[in-house]
Amino acid sequence: MTVDSATQEREETTPGGPSDTSDMPESASAPSGAEDAGTPSASGTDDQQAEPAKPQRGRPKGSGARKTRSVELTLTVTGTADGEWQAELKHGSKWVARGLSIPAAAVSRAAKELHDELSGPIDEVINAAREQQQARVAQLEAELQQAKQALAELES
C-alpha cells in the first residue's frame, strides 16, 4: 500500500473527511421535524438509509493500528571518568551493536544535536575527564623530567 492510498482511506473513514461533506447536504436539506411528520412507511425507510450516512463518533475501526506503529530502538551511551565512551544499540530485545568505542567529541556533538538539556551535563562530564587527563599528563611529564635528571646524573 502506498502512502497516498493510506491517506485516502483515512480521509474517507475519519469524520469531516471528503465522504462526510458530500453526505451533509442530504441530511441538512430536510429538517428532522419534517421527516417525523411524513408517513410512517416513507420516514422509516429514510431513517434507515440516513443512519449509515451520518458521521460516526469516535475512531474509525481498523485505522488505529496503522497510526500507532512504532519502532523500538534503544541507544545507550556510557562514559567513564577517564573520558572513554561506548555505545550499544538494541532493536526490541535483540542487540544490534555492543561495546562500540565512541570519541568524546562525537558524543558531545550528538548531544548538542539532540537537545540542549542533554548537551550541558554531557559536556560537564567530558570537561571533567579532560581536566583529569591534563592533570595526569602534567604528573607524567614531571616524572619524565625527574627520570631524565636521574639518567643525566648517572651518565656523568
N, C-alpha and C. Protein backbone atom coordinates (compact mmCIF):
# COMPACT_ATOMS: atom_id res chain seq x y z
N MET A 1 0.84 -1.16 0.00
CA MET A 1 0.00 0.00 0.00
C MET A 1 0.89 1.23 0.00
N THR A 2 0.57 2.20 -0.81
CA THR A 2 1.37 3.41 -0.86
C THR A 2 0.87 4.40 0.16
N VAL A 3 1.64 5.44 0.36
CA VAL A 3 1.25 6.49 1.31
C VAL A 3 0.00 7.20 0.83
N ASP A 4 -0.13 7.43 -0.47
CA ASP A 4 -1.29 8.12 -1.00
C ASP A 4 -2.56 7.34 -0.75
N SER A 5 -2.53 6.03 -0.95
CA SER A 5 -3.74 5.24 -0.74
C SER A 5 -4.09 5.17 0.73
N ALA A 6 -3.09 5.12 1.60
CA ALA A 6 -3.37 5.11 3.03
C ALA A 6 -3.98 6.42 3.46
N THR A 7 -3.55 7.53 2.89
CA THR A 7 -4.10 8.83 3.23
C THR A 7 -5.53 8.93 2.76
N GLN A 8 -5.84 8.40 1.56
CA GLN A 8 -7.20 8.46 1.06
C GLN A 8 -8.12 7.63 1.93
N GLU A 9 -7.68 6.46 2.35
CA GLU A 9 -8.52 5.62 3.20
C GLU A 9 -8.82 6.33 4.51
N ARG A 10 -7.83 6.96 5.08
CA ARG A 10 -8.01 7.64 6.37
C ARG A 10 -8.97 8.80 6.20
N GLU A 11 -8.87 9.56 5.12
CA GLU A 11 -9.76 10.69 4.89
C GLU A 11 -11.19 10.22 4.71
N GLU A 12 -11.38 9.09 4.06
CA GLU A 12 -12.72 8.58 3.83
C GLU A 12 -13.36 8.07 5.12
N THR A 13 -12.59 7.58 6.04
CA THR A 13 -13.16 6.99 7.24
C THR A 13 -13.20 7.94 8.42
N THR A 14 -12.50 9.06 8.37
CA THR A 14 -12.50 9.97 9.51
C THR A 14 -13.65 10.95 9.38
N PRO A 15 -14.22 11.37 10.54
CA PRO A 15 -15.28 12.37 10.49
C PRO A 15 -14.73 13.67 9.91
N GLY A 16 -15.53 14.32 9.09
CA GLY A 16 -15.10 15.57 8.49
C GLY A 16 -14.31 15.35 7.21
N GLY A 17 -14.13 14.12 6.78
CA GLY A 17 -13.40 13.80 5.56
C GLY A 17 -14.24 14.10 4.33
N PRO A 18 -13.73 13.84 3.12
CA PRO A 18 -14.44 14.15 1.89
C PRO A 18 -15.78 13.44 1.77
N SER A 19 -15.90 12.20 2.23
CA SER A 19 -17.16 11.48 2.06
C SER A 19 -18.24 12.05 2.97
N ASP A 20 -17.87 12.63 4.11
CA ASP A 20 -18.85 13.18 5.03
C ASP A 20 -19.41 14.49 4.51
N THR A 21 -18.63 15.29 3.81
CA THR A 21 -19.12 16.57 3.31
C THR A 21 -20.14 16.36 2.20
N SER A 22 -20.00 15.28 1.43
CA SER A 22 -20.98 15.03 0.38
C SER A 22 -22.30 14.54 0.97
N ASP A 23 -22.27 13.93 2.13
CA ASP A 23 -23.49 13.45 2.78
C ASP A 23 -24.21 14.55 3.53
N MET A 24 -23.55 15.61 3.85
CA MET A 24 -24.12 16.68 4.66
C MET A 24 -25.34 17.33 4.00
N PRO A 25 -25.32 17.65 2.69
CA PRO A 25 -26.49 18.31 2.11
C PRO A 25 -27.74 17.46 2.17
N GLU A 26 -27.65 16.14 2.07
CA GLU A 26 -28.83 15.28 2.11
C GLU A 26 -29.52 15.39 3.46
N SER A 27 -28.74 15.29 4.54
CA SER A 27 -29.35 15.33 5.86
C SER A 27 -29.75 16.75 6.24
N ALA A 28 -29.06 17.74 5.70
CA ALA A 28 -29.36 19.12 6.05
C ALA A 28 -30.53 19.66 5.25
N SER A 29 -30.87 19.09 4.10
CA SER A 29 -31.93 19.61 3.24
C SER A 29 -33.30 19.43 3.88
N ALA A 30 -33.52 18.37 4.62
CA ALA A 30 -34.81 18.13 5.25
C ALA A 30 -34.63 18.23 6.75
N PRO A 31 -35.37 19.13 7.41
CA PRO A 31 -35.27 19.21 8.87
C PRO A 31 -35.77 17.93 9.51
N SER A 32 -35.28 17.67 10.70
CA SER A 32 -35.65 16.43 11.38
C SER A 32 -37.13 16.38 11.72
N GLY A 33 -37.76 17.50 11.96
CA GLY A 33 -39.19 17.53 12.27
C GLY A 33 -40.03 17.17 11.06
N ALA A 34 -39.56 17.50 9.84
CA ALA A 34 -40.33 17.21 8.64
C ALA A 34 -40.37 15.72 8.37
N GLU A 35 -39.32 15.01 8.69
CA GLU A 35 -39.29 13.57 8.48
C GLU A 35 -40.28 12.88 9.41
N ASP A 36 -40.42 13.37 10.64
CA ASP A 36 -41.34 12.77 11.59
C ASP A 36 -42.79 12.99 11.18
N ALA A 37 -43.06 14.09 10.50
CA ALA A 37 -44.43 14.41 10.12
C ALA A 37 -44.89 13.60 8.91
N GLY A 38 -43.98 12.99 8.19
CA GLY A 38 -44.32 12.24 6.99
C GLY A 38 -44.99 10.91 7.32
N THR A 39 -45.35 10.14 6.31
CA THR A 39 -45.98 8.86 6.51
C THR A 39 -45.00 7.90 7.15
N PRO A 40 -45.48 6.94 7.94
CA PRO A 40 -44.58 6.04 8.64
C PRO A 40 -43.77 5.17 7.69
N SER A 41 -44.32 4.73 6.58
CA SER A 41 -43.57 3.86 5.69
C SER A 41 -42.42 4.62 5.01
N ALA A 42 -42.65 5.86 4.61
CA ALA A 42 -41.62 6.65 3.93
C ALA A 42 -40.55 7.08 4.91
N SER A 43 -40.96 7.54 6.08
CA SER A 43 -39.96 8.01 7.05
C SER A 43 -39.14 6.86 7.60
N GLY A 44 -39.69 5.69 7.72
CA GLY A 44 -38.95 4.53 8.21
C GLY A 44 -37.82 4.15 7.27
N THR A 45 -38.06 4.18 5.98
CA THR A 45 -37.00 3.83 5.03
C THR A 45 -35.97 4.94 4.94
N ASP A 46 -36.40 6.20 5.06
CA ASP A 46 -35.45 7.31 5.01
C ASP A 46 -34.52 7.26 6.22
N ASP A 47 -35.05 6.96 7.40
CA ASP A 47 -34.22 6.90 8.60
C ASP A 47 -33.20 5.77 8.50
N GLN A 48 -33.61 4.65 7.94
CA GLN A 48 -32.68 3.53 7.82
C GLN A 48 -31.57 3.86 6.82
N GLN A 49 -31.90 4.56 5.75
CA GLN A 49 -30.89 4.92 4.76
C GLN A 49 -30.01 6.05 5.27
N ALA A 50 -30.56 6.95 6.06
CA ALA A 50 -29.80 8.12 6.54
C ALA A 50 -28.84 7.73 7.66
N GLU A 51 -29.14 6.71 8.45
CA GLU A 51 -28.28 6.33 9.57
C GLU A 51 -26.87 5.98 9.16
N PRO A 52 -26.63 5.15 8.15
CA PRO A 52 -25.25 4.85 7.78
C PRO A 52 -24.51 6.08 7.24
N ALA A 53 -25.21 7.06 6.70
CA ALA A 53 -24.57 8.23 6.12
C ALA A 53 -24.13 9.22 7.20
N LYS A 54 -24.68 9.13 8.41
CA LYS A 54 -24.30 10.06 9.47
C LYS A 54 -22.85 9.81 9.89
N PRO A 55 -22.14 10.86 10.22
CA PRO A 55 -20.76 10.66 10.69
C PRO A 55 -20.77 9.88 12.00
N GLN A 56 -19.88 8.92 12.09
CA GLN A 56 -19.82 8.10 13.29
C GLN A 56 -18.93 8.78 14.32
N ARG A 57 -19.29 8.62 15.57
CA ARG A 57 -18.50 9.20 16.65
C ARG A 57 -17.34 8.28 16.98
N GLY A 58 -16.26 8.85 17.48
CA GLY A 58 -15.11 8.06 17.88
C GLY A 58 -14.20 7.74 16.71
N ARG A 59 -13.28 6.86 16.95
CA ARG A 59 -12.31 6.46 15.92
C ARG A 59 -12.93 5.48 14.95
N PRO A 60 -12.55 5.56 13.69
CA PRO A 60 -12.98 4.53 12.74
C PRO A 60 -12.30 3.20 13.08
N LYS A 61 -13.02 2.13 12.88
CA LYS A 61 -12.47 0.82 13.21
C LYS A 61 -11.38 0.44 12.22
N GLY A 62 -10.32 -0.18 12.73
CA GLY A 62 -9.26 -0.71 11.88
C GLY A 62 -8.18 0.29 11.50
N SER A 63 -8.38 1.57 11.71
CA SER A 63 -7.37 2.54 11.29
C SER A 63 -6.36 2.82 12.40
N GLY A 64 -6.60 2.42 13.62
CA GLY A 64 -5.71 2.71 14.74
C GLY A 64 -4.36 2.03 14.64
N ALA A 65 -4.32 0.83 14.11
CA ALA A 65 -3.06 0.09 14.04
C ALA A 65 -2.08 0.75 13.09
N ARG A 66 -2.55 1.32 12.02
CA ARG A 66 -1.66 1.96 11.05
C ARG A 66 -1.05 3.23 11.61
N LYS A 67 -1.73 3.91 12.49
CA LYS A 67 -1.24 5.18 13.02
C LYS A 67 -0.25 4.99 14.16
N THR A 68 -0.37 3.92 14.93
CA THR A 68 0.41 3.78 16.15
C THR A 68 1.63 2.89 16.01
N ARG A 69 1.96 2.44 14.84
CA ARG A 69 3.14 1.59 14.68
C ARG A 69 4.38 2.40 14.99
N SER A 70 5.24 1.81 15.79
CA SER A 70 6.50 2.47 16.12
C SER A 70 7.60 1.43 16.19
N VAL A 71 8.81 1.89 16.05
CA VAL A 71 9.97 1.03 16.11
C VAL A 71 10.66 1.29 17.43
N GLU A 72 10.98 0.24 18.14
CA GLU A 72 11.64 0.39 19.43
C GLU A 72 13.14 0.17 19.25
N LEU A 73 13.88 1.26 19.31
CA LEU A 73 15.33 1.22 19.27
C LEU A 73 15.83 1.88 20.54
N THR A 74 16.78 1.22 21.20
CA THR A 74 17.35 1.77 22.42
C THR A 74 18.83 1.97 22.20
N LEU A 75 19.25 3.23 22.27
CA LEU A 75 20.67 3.59 22.15
C LEU A 75 21.16 3.98 23.53
N THR A 76 22.17 3.26 24.01
CA THR A 76 22.74 3.55 25.31
C THR A 76 24.17 4.01 25.11
N VAL A 77 24.48 5.20 25.61
CA VAL A 77 25.82 5.75 25.53
C VAL A 77 26.35 5.82 26.96
N THR A 78 27.50 5.18 27.19
CA THR A 78 28.07 5.11 28.53
C THR A 78 29.45 5.73 28.52
N GLY A 79 29.70 6.59 29.50
CA GLY A 79 31.01 7.23 29.61
C GLY A 79 31.66 6.91 30.93
N THR A 80 32.99 6.92 30.93
CA THR A 80 33.75 6.69 32.16
C THR A 80 34.41 8.00 32.58
N ALA A 81 34.95 8.02 33.78
CA ALA A 81 35.64 9.21 34.28
C ALA A 81 36.91 9.49 33.49
N ASP A 82 37.44 8.48 32.83
CA ASP A 82 38.65 8.65 32.01
C ASP A 82 38.35 9.26 30.65
N GLY A 83 37.08 9.46 30.32
CA GLY A 83 36.71 10.04 29.04
C GLY A 83 36.49 9.03 27.95
N GLU A 84 36.39 7.76 28.29
CA GLU A 84 36.11 6.72 27.30
C GLU A 84 34.59 6.54 27.20
N TRP A 85 34.10 6.52 25.96
CA TRP A 85 32.67 6.41 25.72
C TRP A 85 32.40 5.17 24.87
N GLN A 86 31.29 4.50 25.19
CA GLN A 86 30.86 3.32 24.44
C GLN A 86 29.38 3.45 24.13
N ALA A 87 28.98 2.84 23.01
CA ALA A 87 27.57 2.85 22.61
C ALA A 87 27.08 1.43 22.40
N GLU A 88 25.81 1.24 22.72
CA GLU A 88 25.14 -0.04 22.50
C GLU A 88 23.78 0.26 21.87
N LEU A 89 23.39 -0.55 20.90
CA LEU A 89 22.12 -0.36 20.23
C LEU A 89 21.32 -1.65 20.30
N LYS A 90 20.06 -1.51 20.71
CA LYS A 90 19.18 -2.65 20.87
C LYS A 90 17.90 -2.40 20.07
N HIS A 91 17.48 -3.38 19.27
CA HIS A 91 16.25 -3.29 18.49
C HIS A 91 15.27 -4.29 19.08
N GLY A 92 14.30 -3.77 19.84
CA GLY A 92 13.40 -4.64 20.57
C GLY A 92 14.17 -5.36 21.66
N SER A 93 14.27 -6.67 21.59
CA SER A 93 15.04 -7.44 22.57
C SER A 93 16.34 -7.97 21.99
N LYS A 94 16.63 -7.61 20.74
CA LYS A 94 17.82 -8.12 20.06
C LYS A 94 18.90 -7.03 20.03
N TRP A 95 20.13 -7.41 20.43
CA TRP A 95 21.25 -6.48 20.39
C TRP A 95 21.74 -6.34 18.96
N VAL A 96 21.83 -5.11 18.49
CA VAL A 96 22.35 -4.82 17.16
C VAL A 96 23.85 -4.58 17.25
N ALA A 97 24.27 -3.79 18.24
CA ALA A 97 25.70 -3.49 18.43
C ALA A 97 25.96 -3.31 19.92
N ARG A 98 27.12 -3.78 20.35
CA ARG A 98 27.50 -3.65 21.76
C ARG A 98 28.97 -3.26 21.85
N GLY A 99 29.27 -2.38 22.81
CA GLY A 99 30.65 -2.04 23.12
C GLY A 99 31.39 -1.28 22.04
N LEU A 100 30.69 -0.45 21.28
CA LEU A 100 31.35 0.34 20.25
C LEU A 100 32.02 1.55 20.89
N SER A 101 33.31 1.74 20.62
CA SER A 101 34.03 2.90 21.15
C SER A 101 33.62 4.14 20.38
N ILE A 102 33.33 5.20 21.12
CA ILE A 102 32.87 6.45 20.53
C ILE A 102 33.78 7.57 21.04
N PRO A 103 34.28 8.44 20.16
CA PRO A 103 35.07 9.58 20.62
C PRO A 103 34.21 10.56 21.43
N ALA A 104 34.82 11.18 22.42
CA ALA A 104 34.09 12.12 23.27
C ALA A 104 33.53 13.29 22.46
N ALA A 105 34.28 13.74 21.46
CA ALA A 105 33.80 14.85 20.62
C ALA A 105 32.53 14.46 19.88
N ALA A 106 32.43 13.21 19.42
CA ALA A 106 31.22 12.75 18.72
C ALA A 106 30.03 12.70 19.67
N VAL A 107 30.27 12.29 20.90
CA VAL A 107 29.20 12.25 21.90
C VAL A 107 28.70 13.66 22.18
N SER A 108 29.63 14.60 22.31
CA SER A 108 29.26 15.98 22.57
C SER A 108 28.46 16.57 21.41
N ARG A 109 28.89 16.33 20.17
CA ARG A 109 28.16 16.83 19.01
C ARG A 109 26.76 16.22 18.92
N ALA A 110 26.68 14.92 19.17
CA ALA A 110 25.37 14.25 19.10
C ALA A 110 24.42 14.79 20.16
N ALA A 111 24.93 15.04 21.35
CA ALA A 111 24.09 15.58 22.42
C ALA A 111 23.60 16.98 22.07
N LYS A 112 24.46 17.79 21.46
CA LYS A 112 24.03 19.13 21.06
C LYS A 112 22.98 19.07 19.98
N GLU A 113 23.08 18.10 19.08
CA GLU A 113 22.10 17.94 18.02
C GLU A 113 20.75 17.50 18.58
N LEU A 114 20.77 16.65 19.61
CA LEU A 114 19.53 16.11 20.14
C LEU A 114 18.76 17.16 20.95
N HIS A 115 19.43 17.74 21.96
CA HIS A 115 18.72 18.70 22.82
C HIS A 115 19.72 19.43 23.70
N ASP A 116 19.44 20.70 23.99
CA ASP A 116 20.33 21.50 24.83
C ASP A 116 20.42 20.95 26.26
N GLU A 117 19.33 20.42 26.75
CA GLU A 117 19.34 19.87 28.11
C GLU A 117 20.23 18.63 28.21
N LEU A 118 20.46 17.95 27.12
CA LEU A 118 21.35 16.79 27.13
C LEU A 118 22.81 17.22 27.03
N SER A 119 23.08 18.25 26.24
CA SER A 119 24.47 18.62 25.99
C SER A 119 25.14 19.22 27.21
N GLY A 120 24.41 19.93 28.06
CA GLY A 120 25.01 20.55 29.25
C GLY A 120 25.66 19.54 30.18
N PRO A 121 24.92 18.57 30.69
CA PRO A 121 25.52 17.58 31.60
C PRO A 121 26.61 16.73 30.94
N ILE A 122 26.42 16.40 29.67
CA ILE A 122 27.43 15.58 28.99
C ILE A 122 28.72 16.37 28.81
N ASP A 123 28.60 17.65 28.44
CA ASP A 123 29.80 18.48 28.30
C ASP A 123 30.51 18.65 29.64
N GLU A 124 29.76 18.72 30.74
CA GLU A 124 30.39 18.81 32.06
C GLU A 124 31.21 17.56 32.35
N VAL A 125 30.68 16.38 32.03
CA VAL A 125 31.40 15.13 32.26
C VAL A 125 32.65 15.08 31.37
N ILE A 126 32.50 15.50 30.12
CA ILE A 126 33.65 15.49 29.21
C ILE A 126 34.71 16.47 29.67
N ASN A 127 34.32 17.65 30.12
CA ASN A 127 35.29 18.64 30.61
C ASN A 127 36.00 18.15 31.87
N ALA A 128 35.27 17.49 32.77
CA ALA A 128 35.89 16.94 33.97
C ALA A 128 36.91 15.87 33.60
N ALA A 129 36.58 15.02 32.63
CA ALA A 129 37.52 13.98 32.18
C ALA A 129 38.74 14.62 31.51
N ARG A 130 38.52 15.70 30.75
CA ARG A 130 39.63 16.40 30.11
C ARG A 130 40.58 16.99 31.15
N GLU A 131 40.02 17.62 32.17
CA GLU A 131 40.85 18.19 33.23
C GLU A 131 41.63 17.10 33.97
N GLN A 132 40.98 15.97 34.20
CA GLN A 132 41.66 14.86 34.86
C GLN A 132 42.81 14.34 34.00
N GLN A 133 42.59 14.24 32.71
CA GLN A 133 43.65 13.77 31.81
C GLN A 133 44.78 14.79 31.72
N GLN A 134 44.46 16.08 31.75
CA GLN A 134 45.51 17.11 31.73
C GLN A 134 46.36 17.04 33.00
N ALA A 135 45.71 16.79 34.13
CA ALA A 135 46.45 16.64 35.38
C ALA A 135 47.35 15.41 35.32
N ARG A 136 46.84 14.34 34.75
CA ARG A 136 47.64 13.11 34.61
C ARG A 136 48.85 13.35 33.69
N VAL A 137 48.65 14.09 32.58
CA VAL A 137 49.75 14.41 31.66
C VAL A 137 50.80 15.25 32.38
N ALA A 138 50.37 16.23 33.16
CA ALA A 138 51.32 17.07 33.91
C ALA A 138 52.11 16.22 34.90
N GLN A 139 51.45 15.29 35.57
CA GLN A 139 52.12 14.41 36.52
C GLN A 139 53.15 13.53 35.79
N LEU A 140 52.76 12.97 34.66
CA LEU A 140 53.68 12.11 33.90
C LEU A 140 54.86 12.90 33.33
N GLU A 141 54.62 14.14 32.91
CA GLU A 141 55.72 14.99 32.43
C GLU A 141 56.70 15.29 33.55
N ALA A 142 56.20 15.52 34.76
CA ALA A 142 57.08 15.77 35.90
C ALA A 142 57.90 14.53 36.22
N GLU A 143 57.27 13.35 36.17
CA GLU A 143 58.01 12.10 36.40
C GLU A 143 59.07 11.87 35.32
N LEU A 144 58.71 12.20 34.08
CA LEU A 144 59.66 12.04 32.98
C LEU A 144 60.86 12.98 33.17
N GLN A 145 60.60 14.19 33.60
CA GLN A 145 61.69 15.15 33.85
C GLN A 145 62.60 14.64 34.96
N GLN A 146 62.02 14.08 36.02
CA GLN A 146 62.84 13.54 37.11
C GLN A 146 63.65 12.35 36.63
N ALA A 147 63.06 11.50 35.78
CA ALA A 147 63.79 10.33 35.27
C ALA A 147 64.93 10.78 34.37
N LYS A 148 64.75 11.83 33.56
CA LYS A 148 65.82 12.35 32.71
C LYS A 148 66.96 12.92 33.56
N GLN A 149 66.62 13.59 34.64
CA GLN A 149 67.66 14.14 35.52
C GLN A 149 68.45 13.02 36.19
N ALA A 150 67.73 11.99 36.62
CA ALA A 150 68.41 10.87 37.26
C ALA A 150 69.33 10.17 36.26
N LEU A 151 68.92 10.04 35.04
CA LEU A 151 69.74 9.43 33.99
C LEU A 151 70.96 10.29 33.69
N ALA A 152 70.75 11.59 33.65
CA ALA A 152 71.87 12.51 33.38
C ALA A 152 72.91 12.45 34.50
N GLU A 153 72.49 12.31 35.75
CA GLU A 153 73.43 12.20 36.88
C GLU A 153 74.22 10.90 36.83
N LEU A 154 73.55 9.82 36.37
CA LEU A 154 74.23 8.55 36.27
C LEU A 154 75.26 8.54 35.15
N GLU A 155 75.06 9.28 34.10
CA GLU A 155 75.98 9.31 32.97
C GLU A 155 77.23 10.16 33.27
N SER A 156 77.12 11.12 34.13
CA SER A 156 78.26 11.98 34.37
C SER A 156 79.18 11.50 35.43
